[in-house]
N, C-alpha and C. Protein backbone atom coordinates (compact mmCIF):
# COMPACT_ATOMS: atom_id res chain seq x y z
N MET A 1 -7.80 -14.22 -26.54
CA MET A 1 -8.46 -14.02 -25.25
C MET A 1 -9.92 -14.43 -25.37
N GLU A 2 -10.34 -15.22 -24.44
CA GLU A 2 -11.74 -15.63 -24.34
C GLU A 2 -12.41 -14.76 -23.28
N LYS A 3 -13.73 -14.69 -23.33
CA LYS A 3 -14.43 -13.94 -22.29
C LYS A 3 -14.27 -14.68 -20.97
N ALA A 4 -14.37 -13.94 -19.89
CA ALA A 4 -14.21 -14.51 -18.55
C ALA A 4 -15.46 -14.24 -17.73
N ASN A 5 -15.97 -15.29 -17.10
CA ASN A 5 -17.11 -15.17 -16.20
C ASN A 5 -16.55 -15.13 -14.78
N LEU A 6 -16.61 -13.96 -14.13
CA LEU A 6 -16.02 -13.81 -12.81
C LEU A 6 -16.66 -14.73 -11.78
N VAL A 7 -17.98 -14.89 -11.83
CA VAL A 7 -18.67 -15.77 -10.88
C VAL A 7 -18.10 -17.19 -10.99
N GLN A 8 -17.94 -17.67 -12.21
CA GLN A 8 -17.40 -19.01 -12.43
C GLN A 8 -15.93 -19.09 -12.00
N LYS A 9 -15.15 -18.07 -12.32
CA LYS A 9 -13.73 -18.08 -11.96
C LYS A 9 -13.53 -18.17 -10.44
N PHE A 10 -14.38 -17.47 -9.68
CA PHE A 10 -14.25 -17.52 -8.22
C PHE A 10 -14.53 -18.90 -7.65
N THR A 11 -15.22 -19.78 -8.39
CA THR A 11 -15.48 -21.14 -7.90
C THR A 11 -14.27 -22.05 -8.08
N LEU A 12 -13.24 -21.60 -8.80
CA LEU A 12 -12.10 -22.44 -9.13
C LEU A 12 -11.01 -22.48 -8.06
N PHE A 13 -11.15 -21.67 -7.01
CA PHE A 13 -10.14 -21.68 -5.95
C PHE A 13 -10.76 -21.31 -4.62
N THR A 14 -10.08 -21.72 -3.53
CA THR A 14 -10.57 -21.43 -2.18
C THR A 14 -9.56 -20.64 -1.36
N GLU A 15 -8.30 -20.66 -1.75
CA GLU A 15 -7.25 -20.01 -0.96
C GLU A 15 -7.51 -18.51 -0.81
N GLN A 16 -7.19 -18.02 0.38
CA GLN A 16 -7.36 -16.59 0.67
C GLN A 16 -6.03 -15.86 0.49
N TRP A 17 -6.13 -14.62 0.05
CA TRP A 17 -4.97 -13.74 -0.14
C TRP A 17 -3.97 -14.33 -1.13
N SER A 18 -4.44 -15.10 -2.09
CA SER A 18 -3.57 -15.72 -3.08
C SER A 18 -4.13 -15.43 -4.48
N PRO A 19 -3.73 -14.31 -5.08
CA PRO A 19 -4.32 -13.87 -6.35
C PRO A 19 -4.18 -14.88 -7.48
N ARG A 20 -5.20 -14.91 -8.34
CA ARG A 20 -5.21 -15.72 -9.55
C ARG A 20 -5.31 -14.80 -10.74
N VAL A 21 -4.48 -15.03 -11.74
CA VAL A 21 -4.47 -14.18 -12.94
C VAL A 21 -5.54 -14.70 -13.90
N ILE A 22 -6.36 -13.77 -14.42
CA ILE A 22 -7.39 -14.17 -15.39
C ILE A 22 -7.21 -13.50 -16.75
N ALA A 23 -6.38 -12.45 -16.82
CA ALA A 23 -6.18 -11.77 -18.10
C ALA A 23 -4.92 -10.91 -18.04
N GLU A 24 -4.46 -10.54 -19.23
CA GLU A 24 -3.29 -9.66 -19.36
C GLU A 24 -3.60 -8.65 -20.46
N ALA A 25 -3.33 -7.37 -20.18
CA ALA A 25 -3.55 -6.32 -21.18
C ALA A 25 -2.57 -5.18 -20.94
N ASN A 26 -1.87 -4.79 -21.97
CA ASN A 26 -0.98 -3.62 -21.90
C ASN A 26 -0.01 -3.67 -20.72
N GLY A 27 0.58 -4.83 -20.48
CA GLY A 27 1.55 -4.96 -19.39
C GLY A 27 0.92 -5.02 -18.01
N GLN A 28 -0.39 -5.18 -17.94
CA GLN A 28 -1.11 -5.27 -16.67
C GLN A 28 -1.70 -6.67 -16.53
N TYR A 29 -1.73 -7.16 -15.30
CA TYR A 29 -2.46 -8.38 -15.00
C TYR A 29 -3.80 -8.00 -14.40
N VAL A 30 -4.83 -8.74 -14.77
CA VAL A 30 -6.13 -8.67 -14.11
C VAL A 30 -6.19 -9.92 -13.26
N LYS A 31 -6.40 -9.73 -11.94
CA LYS A 31 -6.35 -10.84 -11.00
C LYS A 31 -7.63 -10.90 -10.18
N LEU A 32 -7.93 -12.09 -9.70
CA LEU A 32 -9.02 -12.28 -8.75
C LEU A 32 -8.42 -12.79 -7.46
N ALA A 33 -9.03 -12.40 -6.34
CA ALA A 33 -8.58 -12.88 -5.03
C ALA A 33 -9.76 -12.99 -4.09
N LYS A 34 -9.70 -13.99 -3.24
CA LYS A 34 -10.62 -14.12 -2.12
C LYS A 34 -9.84 -13.70 -0.89
N VAL A 35 -10.45 -12.84 -0.08
CA VAL A 35 -9.74 -12.34 1.09
C VAL A 35 -10.68 -12.30 2.29
N GLU A 36 -10.10 -12.48 3.47
CA GLU A 36 -10.83 -12.29 4.71
C GLU A 36 -9.82 -12.05 5.81
N GLY A 37 -10.11 -11.14 6.71
CA GLY A 37 -9.20 -10.79 7.78
C GLY A 37 -8.23 -9.71 7.33
N GLU A 38 -7.16 -9.58 8.08
CA GLU A 38 -6.18 -8.53 7.82
C GLU A 38 -5.03 -9.08 7.00
N PHE A 39 -4.52 -8.25 6.08
CA PHE A 39 -3.38 -8.64 5.26
C PHE A 39 -2.11 -8.18 5.94
N VAL A 40 -1.27 -7.41 5.28
CA VAL A 40 -0.03 -6.87 5.87
C VAL A 40 0.17 -5.44 5.37
N TRP A 41 0.75 -4.62 6.21
CA TRP A 41 1.11 -3.27 5.78
C TRP A 41 2.23 -3.38 4.76
N HIS A 42 2.08 -2.70 3.62
CA HIS A 42 3.09 -2.73 2.57
C HIS A 42 2.86 -1.58 1.60
N ALA A 43 3.82 -1.37 0.73
CA ALA A 43 3.70 -0.35 -0.32
C ALA A 43 4.32 -0.92 -1.60
N HIS A 44 3.89 -0.38 -2.71
CA HIS A 44 4.46 -0.71 -4.01
C HIS A 44 5.12 0.56 -4.52
N GLU A 45 6.44 0.59 -4.47
CA GLU A 45 7.20 1.81 -4.75
C GLU A 45 6.93 2.38 -6.14
N HIS A 46 6.76 1.52 -7.14
CA HIS A 46 6.68 1.99 -8.52
C HIS A 46 5.35 1.74 -9.21
N GLU A 47 4.39 1.11 -8.54
CA GLU A 47 3.15 0.73 -9.21
C GLU A 47 1.91 1.17 -8.43
N ASP A 48 0.91 1.70 -9.16
CA ASP A 48 -0.42 1.91 -8.60
C ASP A 48 -1.08 0.53 -8.52
N GLU A 49 -2.08 0.41 -7.63
CA GLU A 49 -2.78 -0.86 -7.49
C GLU A 49 -4.28 -0.57 -7.45
N ILE A 50 -5.03 -1.21 -8.34
CA ILE A 50 -6.47 -1.01 -8.43
C ILE A 50 -7.19 -2.15 -7.72
N PHE A 51 -8.06 -1.80 -6.78
CA PHE A 51 -8.90 -2.75 -6.07
C PHE A 51 -10.34 -2.53 -6.51
N PHE A 52 -11.02 -3.59 -6.96
CA PHE A 52 -12.43 -3.54 -7.31
C PHE A 52 -13.15 -4.64 -6.54
N VAL A 53 -14.14 -4.28 -5.72
CA VAL A 53 -14.85 -5.26 -4.91
C VAL A 53 -16.00 -5.85 -5.72
N VAL A 54 -15.96 -7.17 -5.89
CA VAL A 54 -17.02 -7.90 -6.59
C VAL A 54 -18.11 -8.28 -5.59
N SER A 55 -17.72 -8.78 -4.41
CA SER A 55 -18.68 -9.09 -3.35
C SER A 55 -17.97 -8.93 -2.01
N GLY A 56 -18.74 -8.67 -0.97
CA GLY A 56 -18.17 -8.51 0.36
C GLY A 56 -17.87 -7.06 0.68
N LYS A 57 -16.84 -6.84 1.47
CA LYS A 57 -16.48 -5.50 1.93
C LYS A 57 -14.98 -5.45 2.17
N LEU A 58 -14.32 -4.45 1.64
CA LEU A 58 -12.89 -4.29 1.82
C LEU A 58 -12.60 -2.93 2.44
N ILE A 59 -11.77 -2.95 3.46
CA ILE A 59 -11.32 -1.72 4.10
C ILE A 59 -9.84 -1.59 3.79
N ILE A 60 -9.46 -0.48 3.17
CA ILE A 60 -8.06 -0.23 2.87
C ILE A 60 -7.56 0.82 3.84
N GLN A 61 -6.72 0.37 4.76
CA GLN A 61 -6.14 1.27 5.74
C GLN A 61 -4.88 1.89 5.14
N MET A 62 -4.77 3.18 5.27
CA MET A 62 -3.55 3.89 4.89
C MET A 62 -3.14 4.71 6.11
N ARG A 63 -1.95 5.23 6.13
CA ARG A 63 -1.47 5.93 7.32
C ARG A 63 -2.26 7.20 7.61
N ASP A 64 -2.82 7.83 6.56
CA ASP A 64 -3.52 9.10 6.77
C ASP A 64 -5.04 9.01 6.64
N ARG A 65 -5.57 7.86 6.21
CA ARG A 65 -7.02 7.70 6.08
C ARG A 65 -7.35 6.24 5.82
N THR A 66 -8.66 5.96 5.86
CA THR A 66 -9.17 4.63 5.60
C THR A 66 -10.27 4.74 4.55
N VAL A 67 -10.28 3.81 3.60
CA VAL A 67 -11.30 3.78 2.55
C VAL A 67 -12.05 2.46 2.66
N GLU A 68 -13.39 2.54 2.68
CA GLU A 68 -14.23 1.36 2.72
C GLU A 68 -14.85 1.14 1.34
N LEU A 69 -14.72 -0.08 0.82
CA LEU A 69 -15.26 -0.42 -0.49
C LEU A 69 -16.32 -1.50 -0.37
N LEU A 70 -17.43 -1.28 -1.04
CA LEU A 70 -18.53 -2.23 -1.11
C LEU A 70 -18.63 -2.76 -2.53
N PRO A 71 -19.46 -3.77 -2.79
CA PRO A 71 -19.56 -4.33 -4.14
C PRO A 71 -19.83 -3.26 -5.20
N GLY A 72 -19.05 -3.36 -6.29
CA GLY A 72 -19.17 -2.41 -7.38
C GLY A 72 -18.30 -1.18 -7.23
N GLU A 73 -17.58 -1.07 -6.12
CA GLU A 73 -16.74 0.11 -5.89
C GLU A 73 -15.27 -0.22 -6.15
N LEU A 74 -14.54 0.80 -6.58
CA LEU A 74 -13.15 0.67 -7.00
C LEU A 74 -12.33 1.76 -6.33
N PHE A 75 -11.08 1.44 -6.02
CA PHE A 75 -10.16 2.43 -5.45
C PHE A 75 -8.76 2.15 -5.97
N VAL A 76 -8.02 3.22 -6.27
CA VAL A 76 -6.64 3.10 -6.70
C VAL A 76 -5.73 3.53 -5.55
N VAL A 77 -4.87 2.61 -5.11
CA VAL A 77 -3.84 2.97 -4.14
C VAL A 77 -2.65 3.45 -4.96
N PRO A 78 -2.28 4.73 -4.82
CA PRO A 78 -1.17 5.25 -5.61
C PRO A 78 0.17 4.61 -5.22
N LYS A 79 1.05 4.56 -6.19
CA LYS A 79 2.38 4.00 -5.92
C LYS A 79 3.01 4.72 -4.73
N GLY A 80 3.74 3.93 -3.93
CA GLY A 80 4.44 4.48 -2.79
C GLY A 80 3.61 4.66 -1.54
N VAL A 81 2.28 4.48 -1.61
CA VAL A 81 1.42 4.68 -0.43
C VAL A 81 1.33 3.37 0.36
N GLU A 82 1.74 3.44 1.61
CA GLU A 82 1.66 2.27 2.47
C GLU A 82 0.19 1.99 2.79
N HIS A 83 -0.20 0.72 2.66
CA HIS A 83 -1.59 0.35 2.87
C HIS A 83 -1.69 -1.05 3.44
N ASN A 84 -2.84 -1.32 4.05
CA ASN A 84 -3.11 -2.62 4.65
C ASN A 84 -4.56 -2.97 4.40
N PRO A 85 -4.84 -3.86 3.44
CA PRO A 85 -6.22 -4.27 3.19
C PRO A 85 -6.75 -5.15 4.32
N TYR A 86 -8.04 -4.96 4.62
CA TYR A 86 -8.71 -5.74 5.66
C TYR A 86 -10.13 -6.05 5.18
N ALA A 87 -10.54 -7.30 5.31
CA ALA A 87 -11.88 -7.70 4.92
C ALA A 87 -12.57 -8.32 6.14
N PRO A 88 -13.62 -7.69 6.67
CA PRO A 88 -14.30 -8.23 7.84
C PRO A 88 -15.10 -9.50 7.54
N VAL A 89 -15.43 -9.73 6.27
CA VAL A 89 -16.11 -10.95 5.81
C VAL A 89 -15.40 -11.41 4.55
N GLU A 90 -15.65 -12.66 4.13
CA GLU A 90 -15.02 -13.10 2.89
C GLU A 90 -15.43 -12.15 1.76
N THR A 91 -14.42 -11.68 1.06
CA THR A 91 -14.61 -10.67 0.03
C THR A 91 -13.93 -11.15 -1.24
N HIS A 92 -14.60 -10.93 -2.37
CA HIS A 92 -14.05 -11.29 -3.67
C HIS A 92 -13.63 -10.01 -4.37
N LEU A 93 -12.37 -9.97 -4.79
CA LEU A 93 -11.76 -8.78 -5.39
C LEU A 93 -11.28 -9.05 -6.80
N MET A 94 -11.29 -7.98 -7.60
CA MET A 94 -10.54 -7.96 -8.85
C MET A 94 -9.44 -6.92 -8.64
N LEU A 95 -8.24 -7.30 -9.00
CA LEU A 95 -7.08 -6.42 -8.89
C LEU A 95 -6.52 -6.18 -10.29
N ILE A 96 -6.12 -4.96 -10.55
CA ILE A 96 -5.47 -4.63 -11.82
C ILE A 96 -4.18 -3.92 -11.47
N GLU A 97 -3.07 -4.50 -11.95
CA GLU A 97 -1.76 -3.94 -11.59
C GLU A 97 -0.72 -4.38 -12.61
N PRO A 98 0.37 -3.62 -12.72
CA PRO A 98 1.44 -4.03 -13.64
C PRO A 98 1.92 -5.45 -13.32
N LYS A 99 2.29 -6.18 -14.37
CA LYS A 99 2.69 -7.58 -14.22
C LYS A 99 3.78 -7.79 -13.17
N GLN A 100 4.69 -6.85 -13.04
CA GLN A 100 5.83 -7.03 -12.13
C GLN A 100 5.50 -6.67 -10.69
N THR A 101 4.28 -6.24 -10.40
CA THR A 101 3.92 -5.84 -9.04
C THR A 101 4.04 -7.02 -8.09
N THR A 102 4.84 -6.86 -7.06
CA THR A 102 5.01 -7.92 -6.08
C THR A 102 3.80 -7.94 -5.14
N HIS A 103 3.43 -9.11 -4.72
CA HIS A 103 2.22 -9.34 -3.93
C HIS A 103 2.17 -8.50 -2.66
N THR A 104 3.23 -8.51 -1.90
CA THR A 104 3.27 -7.75 -0.65
C THR A 104 4.25 -6.59 -0.72
N GLY A 105 4.47 -6.09 -1.93
CA GLY A 105 5.29 -4.89 -2.10
C GLY A 105 6.66 -5.01 -1.51
N ASP A 106 6.95 -4.08 -0.60
CA ASP A 106 8.28 -3.97 -0.01
C ASP A 106 8.46 -4.86 1.22
N VAL A 107 7.48 -5.73 1.51
CA VAL A 107 7.52 -6.60 2.69
C VAL A 107 7.37 -8.04 2.22
N GLU A 108 8.11 -8.95 2.85
CA GLU A 108 7.93 -10.36 2.55
C GLU A 108 7.50 -11.08 3.81
N THR A 109 6.36 -11.79 3.72
CA THR A 109 5.83 -12.54 4.86
C THR A 109 5.44 -13.94 4.39
N GLU A 110 4.89 -14.72 5.32
CA GLU A 110 4.42 -16.06 4.95
C GLU A 110 3.25 -16.00 3.97
N ARG A 111 2.61 -14.86 3.84
CA ARG A 111 1.50 -14.69 2.89
C ARG A 111 1.95 -14.28 1.49
N THR A 112 3.21 -13.92 1.33
CA THR A 112 3.70 -13.45 0.04
C THR A 112 3.63 -14.57 -1.00
N VAL A 113 3.04 -14.24 -2.15
CA VAL A 113 2.98 -15.17 -3.28
C VAL A 113 3.75 -14.51 -4.42
N ALA A 114 4.85 -15.13 -4.84
CA ALA A 114 5.67 -14.58 -5.91
C ALA A 114 4.83 -14.42 -7.19
N VAL A 115 5.15 -13.42 -7.99
CA VAL A 115 4.42 -13.17 -9.23
C VAL A 115 4.37 -14.43 -10.09
N GLU A 116 5.48 -15.13 -10.21
CA GLU A 116 5.51 -16.34 -11.05
C GLU A 116 4.69 -17.48 -10.46
N ASP A 117 4.29 -17.40 -9.18
CA ASP A 117 3.48 -18.43 -8.55
C ASP A 117 1.99 -18.07 -8.51
N GLN A 118 1.63 -16.92 -9.05
CA GLN A 118 0.22 -16.52 -9.08
C GLN A 118 -0.43 -17.20 -10.28
N THR A 119 -1.11 -18.27 -10.00
CA THR A 119 -1.67 -19.18 -11.01
C THR A 119 -2.66 -18.50 -11.94
N TRP A 120 -2.57 -18.88 -13.23
CA TRP A 120 -3.58 -18.48 -14.21
C TRP A 120 -4.78 -19.40 -14.07
N ILE A 121 -5.97 -18.84 -14.11
CA ILE A 121 -7.19 -19.67 -14.12
C ILE A 121 -8.08 -19.24 -15.28
């Protein structure tokens, strides 16, 4: 494993809502994503999902509350909790989740990116 410069890694792609894998540790992928607008309501039945905001602003809507994340802030969506990420401006995220975690959980849409299609950068 080589060190990773997140600022440099974010310059390597432009696609939104399409995670890129930058590292693997203990059965977890560390991913980067650029996001803007609303994603899709979904849940991950067996996996927690960690969201860390590098830049921008992320709002994680859940059925019982909403969490707003600013740069440097992190939130764990527990397994089984239905959520819908929303970014009012372009936001750069780091995600940490088990390798088998499906992109849109229990929902498949035109935004779904299969785990095997989430490019390493």
